[in-house]
Structures are given as structure tokens and as C-alpha cells.
PDB file of N, CA and C in Angstrom:
ATOM      1  N   UNK A   1      26.113  -7.976  16.457  1.00  0.00           N
ATOM      2  CA  UNK A   1      24.662  -8.032  16.315  1.00  0.00           C
ATOM      3  C   UNK A   1      24.473  -9.601  15.280  1.00  0.00           C
ATOM      4  N   UNK A   2      23.213  -9.823  15.452  1.00  0.00           N
ATOM      5  CA  UNK A   2      22.634 -11.111  14.701  1.00  0.00           C
ATOM      6  C   UNK A   2      23.059 -10.909  13.349  1.00  0.00           C
ATOM      7  N   UNK A   3      23.868 -11.868  12.741  1.00  0.00           N
ATOM      8  CA  UNK A   3      23.993 -11.946  11.357  1.00  0.00           C
ATOM      9  C   UNK A   3      22.927 -12.142  10.395  1.00  0.00           C
ATOM     10  N   UNK A   4      21.811 -13.055  10.878  1.00  0.00           N
ATOM     11  CA  UNK A   4      20.823 -13.256   9.853  1.00  0.00           C
ATOM     12  C   UNK A   4      19.768 -12.415   9.951  1.00  0.00           C
ATOM     13  N   UNK A   5      19.831 -11.518  10.630  1.00  0.00           N
ATOM     14  CA  UNK A   5      18.722 -10.368  10.721  1.00  0.00           C
ATOM     15  C   UNK A   5      19.363  -9.087   9.890  1.00  0.00           C
ATOM     16  N   UNK A   6      18.305  -8.902   9.161  1.00  0.00           N
ATOM     17  CA  UNK A   6      18.873  -7.747   7.904  1.00  0.00           C
ATOM     18  C   UNK A   6      18.228  -6.495   8.500  1.00  0.00           C
ATOM     19  N   UNK A   7      18.939  -5.901   9.512  1.00  0.00           N
ATOM     20  CA  UNK A   7      18.827  -4.758  10.293  1.00  0.00           C
ATOM     21  C   UNK A   7      18.654  -3.337   9.151  1.00  0.00           C
ATOM     22  N   UNK A   8      19.254  -3.322   8.079  1.00  0.00           N
ATOM     23  CA  UNK A   8      19.211  -2.206   7.429  1.00  0.00           C
ATOM     24  C   UNK A   8      17.830  -2.098   6.707  1.00  0.00           C
ATOM     25  N   UNK A   9      17.521  -3.480   6.180  1.00  0.00           N
ATOM     26  CA  UNK A   9      16.083  -3.747   5.355  1.00  0.00           C
ATOM     27  C   UNK A   9      15.038  -3.203   6.437  1.00  0.00           C
ATOM     28  N   UNK A  10      15.428  -3.490   7.476  1.00  0.00           N
ATOM     29  CA  UNK A  10      14.285  -3.275   8.411  1.00  0.00           C
ATOM     30  C   UNK A  10      14.058  -1.887   8.558  1.00  0.00           C
ATOM     31  N   UNK A  11      14.979  -1.142   8.711  1.00  0.00           N
ATOM     32  CA  UNK A  11      14.984   0.495   8.965  1.00  0.00           C
ATOM     33  C   UNK A  11      14.700   1.021   7.649  1.00  0.00           C
ATOM     34  N   UNK A  12      14.963   0.485   6.489  1.00  0.00           N
ATOM     35  CA  UNK A  12      14.451   1.106   5.233  1.00  0.00           C
ATOM     36  C   UNK A  12      13.074   0.748   5.182  1.00  0.00           C
ATOM     37  N   UNK A  13      12.383  -0.475   5.536  1.00  0.00           N
ATOM     38  CA  UNK A  13      10.979  -0.412   5.268  1.00  0.00           C
ATOM     39  C   UNK A  13      10.207   0.477   6.062  1.00  0.00           C
ATOM     40  N   UNK A  14      10.738   0.798   7.262  1.00  0.00           N
ATOM     41  CA  UNK A  14       9.951   1.725   8.071  1.00  0.00           C
ATOM     42  C   UNK A  14      10.023   3.216   7.093  1.00  0.00           C
ATOM     43  N   UNK A  15      11.159   3.381   6.567  1.00  0.00           N
ATOM     44  CA  UNK A  15      11.152   4.494   5.646  1.00  0.00           C
ATOM     45  C   UNK A  15      10.153   4.699   4.437  1.00  0.00           C
ATOM     46  N   UNK A  16      10.217   3.232   3.971  1.00  0.00           N
ATOM     47  CA  UNK A  16       9.141   3.221   2.951  1.00  0.00           C
ATOM     48  C   UNK A  16       7.863   3.357   3.176  1.00  0.00           C
ATOM     49  N   UNK A  17       7.387   2.618   4.166  1.00  0.00           N
ATOM     50  CA  UNK A  17       6.094   2.585   4.674  1.00  0.00           C
ATOM     51  C   UNK A  17       5.603   4.135   4.901  1.00  0.00           C
ATOM     52  N   UNK A  18       6.279   4.927   5.768  1.00  0.00           N
ATOM     53  CA  UNK A  18       5.943   6.035   6.195  1.00  0.00           C
ATOM     54  C   UNK A  18       5.852   7.204   4.943  1.00  0.00           C
ATOM     55  N   UNK A  19       6.705   6.738   4.070  1.00  0.00           N
ATOM     56  CA  UNK A  19       6.680   7.998   2.911  1.00  0.00           C
ATOM     57  C   UNK A  19       5.792   7.256   1.687  1.00  0.00           C
ATOM     58  N   UNK A  20       5.129   6.201   1.816  1.00  0.00           N
ATOM     59  CA  UNK A  20       4.536   5.660   0.532  1.00  0.00           C
ATOM     60  C   UNK A  20       3.668   6.305  -0.103  1.00  0.00           C
ATOM     61  N   UNK A  21       2.912   7.336   0.535  1.00  0.00           N
ATOM     62  CA  UNK A  21       1.634   7.901   0.409  1.00  0.00           C
ATOM     63  C   UNK A  21       0.481   6.760  -0.281  1.00  0.00           C
ATOM     64  N   UNK A  22       0.378   5.648   0.428  1.00  0.00           N
ATOM     65  CA  UNK A  22      -0.753   4.967   0.031  1.00  0.00           C
ATOM     66  C   UNK A  22      -0.162   3.981  -1.077  1.00  0.00           C
ATOM     67  N   UNK A  23       0.982   3.783  -1.349  1.00  0.00           N
ATOM     68  CA  UNK A  23       1.249   2.916  -2.439  1.00  0.00           C
ATOM     69  C   UNK A  23       1.814   1.688  -1.972  1.00  0.00           C
ATOM     70  N   UNK A  24       2.090   1.351  -0.598  1.00  0.00           N
ATOM     71  CA  UNK A  24       2.623   0.448  -0.150  1.00  0.00           C
ATOM     72  C   UNK A  24       1.711  -1.003  -0.298  1.00  0.00           C
ATOM     73  N   UNK A  25       2.438  -2.014  -0.760  1.00  0.00           N
ATOM     74  CA  UNK A  25       1.716  -3.220  -0.790  1.00  0.00           C
ATOM     75  C   UNK A  25       1.641  -3.692   0.442  1.00  0.00           C
ATOM     76  N   UNK A  26       0.170  -4.020   0.691  1.00  0.00           N
ATOM     77  CA  UNK A  26      -0.251  -4.297   2.049  1.00  0.00           C
ATOM     78  C   UNK A  26      -0.286  -5.815   1.991  1.00  0.00           C
ATOM     79  N   UNK A  27      -0.108  -6.507   1.008  1.00  0.00           N
ATOM     80  CA  UNK A  27       0.334  -8.016   0.937  1.00  0.00           C
ATOM     81  C   UNK A  27       1.813  -7.921   1.577  1.00  0.00           C
ATOM     82  N   UNK A  28       2.662  -7.451   1.207  1.00  0.00           N
ATOM     83  CA  UNK A  28       4.182  -7.677   1.542  1.00  0.00           C
ATOM     84  C   UNK A  28       4.226  -7.402   2.927  1.00  0.00           C
ATOM     85  N   UNK A  29       3.563  -6.422   3.403  1.00  0.00           N
ATOM     86  CA  UNK A  29       3.672  -5.748   4.794  1.00  0.00           C
ATOM     87  C   UNK A  29       2.931  -6.684   5.795  1.00  0.00           C
ATOM     88  N   UNK A  30       1.949  -7.548   5.263  1.00  0.00           N
ATOM     89  CA  UNK A  30       1.232  -8.363   6.118  1.00  0.00           C
ATOM     90  C   UNK A  30       2.246  -9.818   6.168  1.00  0.00           C
ATOM     91  N   UNK A  31       2.676 -10.017   5.095  1.00  0.00           N
ATOM     92  CA  UNK A  31       3.701 -11.127   5.141  1.00  0.00           C
ATOM     93  C   UNK A  31       4.858 -10.768   6.041  1.00  0.00           C
ATOM     94  N   UNK A  32       5.436  -9.648   5.920  1.00  0.00           N
ATOM     95  CA  UNK A  32       6.607  -9.414   7.147  1.00  0.00           C
ATOM     96  C   UNK A  32       5.943  -9.551   8.464  1.00  0.00           C
ATOM     97  N   UNK A  33       4.755  -8.917   8.813  1.00  0.00           N
ATOM     98  CA  UNK A  33       4.359  -8.788  10.065  1.00  0.00           C
ATOM     99  C   UNK A  33       4.168 -10.337  10.629  1.00  0.00           C
ATOM    100  N   UNK A  34       3.619 -11.324   9.716  1.00  0.00           N
ATOM    101  CA  UNK A  34       2.922 -12.335   9.943  1.00  0.00           C
ATOM    102  C   UNK A  34       4.140 -13.362  10.172  1.00  0.00           C
ATOM    103  N   UNK A  35       5.284 -13.217   9.193  1.00  0.00           N
ATOM    104  CA  UNK A  35       6.117 -14.467   9.243  1.00  0.00           C
ATOM    105  C   UNK A  35       7.565 -13.648   9.765  1.00  0.00           C
ATOM    106  N   UNK A  36       7.736 -12.688   9.767  1.00  0.00           N
ATOM    107  CA  UNK A  36       9.276 -12.242   9.885  1.00  0.00           C
ATOM    108  C   UNK A  36       9.300 -11.418  11.311  1.00  0.00           C
ATOM    109  N   UNK A  37       8.412 -10.789  11.906  1.00  0.00           N
ATOM    110  CA  UNK A  37       8.342 -10.340  13.323  1.00  0.00           C
ATOM    111  C   UNK A  37       8.576 -11.301  14.340  1.00  0.00           C
ATOM    112  N   UNK A  38       8.211 -12.356  14.435  1.00  0.00           N
ATOM    113  CA  UNK A  38       8.394 -13.448  15.690  1.00  0.00           C
ATOM    114  C   UNK A  38       9.920 -13.568  15.306  1.00  0.00           C
ATOM    115  N   UNK A  39      10.595 -13.771  14.168  1.00  0.00           N
ATOM    116  CA  UNK A  39      12.153 -13.972  13.924  1.00  0.00           C
ATOM    117  C   UNK A  39      12.753 -12.850  14.819  1.00  0.00           C
ATOM    118  N   UNK A  40      12.277 -11.703  14.109  1.00  0.00           N
ATOM    119  CA  UNK A  40      13.027 -10.324  14.576  1.00  0.00           C
ATOM    120  C   UNK A  40      13.064 -10.403  16.443  1.00  0.00           C
ATOM    121  N   UNK A  41      11.659 -10.533  16.888  1.00  0.00           N
ATOM    122  CA  UNK A  41      11.624 -10.482  18.260  1.00  0.00           C
ATOM    123  C   UNK A  41      12.306 -11.334  18.945  1.00  0.00           C
ATOM    124  N   UNK A  42      12.509 -12.590  18.498  1.00  0.00           N
ATOM    125  CA  UNK A  42      13.533 -13.737  19.072  1.00  0.00           C
ATOM    126  C   UNK A  42      14.787 -13.233  19.086  1.00  0.00           C
ATOM    127  N   UNK A  43      15.263 -12.515  17.974  1.00  0.00           N
ATOM    128  CA  UNK A  43      16.695 -11.938  17.939  1.00  0.00           C
ATOM    129  C   UNK A  43      16.915 -10.989  18.795  1.00  0.00           C
ATOM    130  N   UNK A  44      15.977  -9.853  18.978  1.00  0.00           N
ATOM    131  CA  UNK A  44      16.068  -8.802  19.899  1.00  0.00           C
ATOM    132  C   UNK A  44      16.224  -9.382  21.199  1.00  0.00           C
ATOM    133  N   UNK A  45      15.077 -10.338  21.521  1.00  0.00           N
ATOM    134  CA  UNK A  45      15.502 -10.813  23.000  1.00  0.00           C
ATOM    135  C   UNK A  45      16.578 -11.488  23.087  1.00  0.00           C
ATOM    136  N   UNK A  46      17.020 -11.986  22.206  1.00  0.00           N
ATOM    137  CA  UNK A  46      18.618 -12.729  22.510  1.00  0.00           C
ATOM    138  C   UNK A  46      19.681 -11.683  22.790  1.00  0.00           C
ATOM    139  N   UNK A  47      19.524 -10.644  21.881  1.00  0.00           N
ATOM    140  CA  UNK A  47      20.225  -9.442  22.373  1.00  0.00           C
ATOM    141  C   UNK A  47      20.157  -8.979  23.434  1.00  0.00           C
ATOM    142  N   UNK A  48      19.146  -8.672  23.951  1.00  0.00           N
ATOM    143  CA  UNK A  48      18.852  -8.146  25.348  1.00  0.00           C
ATOM    144  C   UNK A  48      19.554  -8.976  26.619  1.00  0.00           C
ATOM    145  N   UNK A  49      19.101 -10.381  26.116  1.00  0.00           N
ATOM    146  CA  UNK A  49      19.720 -11.160  27.516  1.00  0.00           C
ATOM    147  C   UNK A  49      21.432 -11.165  27.237  1.00  0.00           C
ATOM    148  N   UNK A  50      21.874 -10.836  26.286  1.00  0.00           N
ATOM    149  CA  UNK A  50      23.558 -10.830  26.378  1.00  0.00           C
ATOM    150  C   UNK A  50      23.984  -9.602  27.386  1.00  0.00           C
ATOM    151  N   UNK A  51      23.367  -8.677  27.582  1.00  0.00           N
ATOM    152  CA  UNK A  51      23.777  -7.495  28.129  1.00  0.00           C
ATOM    153  C   UNK A  51      23.564  -7.730  29.947  1.00  0.00           C
TER     154      UNK A  51
END
């Protein structure tokens, strides 16, 4: 897998958001969506193209 993608943190974020009971910092979530998702999308596409 891509070494620069923090897969465990991605999975953990999902757990935190789904169980946060409205305590999630929306500024942090927005930063992830706007800045990190494009990087993740690129990595996933590269992985899919390897198969």
C-alpha cells in the first residue's frame, strides 16, 4: 500500500465521526475534506491501476 497514506487514521476518523454525538470539530473535518481527500483519491486510483 501507499506508505504516505495513513490508512489507520482514515479508518479511525470514520469511527470518531460516526460516534461523536455532535462533538466533532467541523473545522477539522472540513480541512480533511478540502485538503486531504484529493491526495487520498489519487492514491486509491494508483492502487486500482496496479491491479
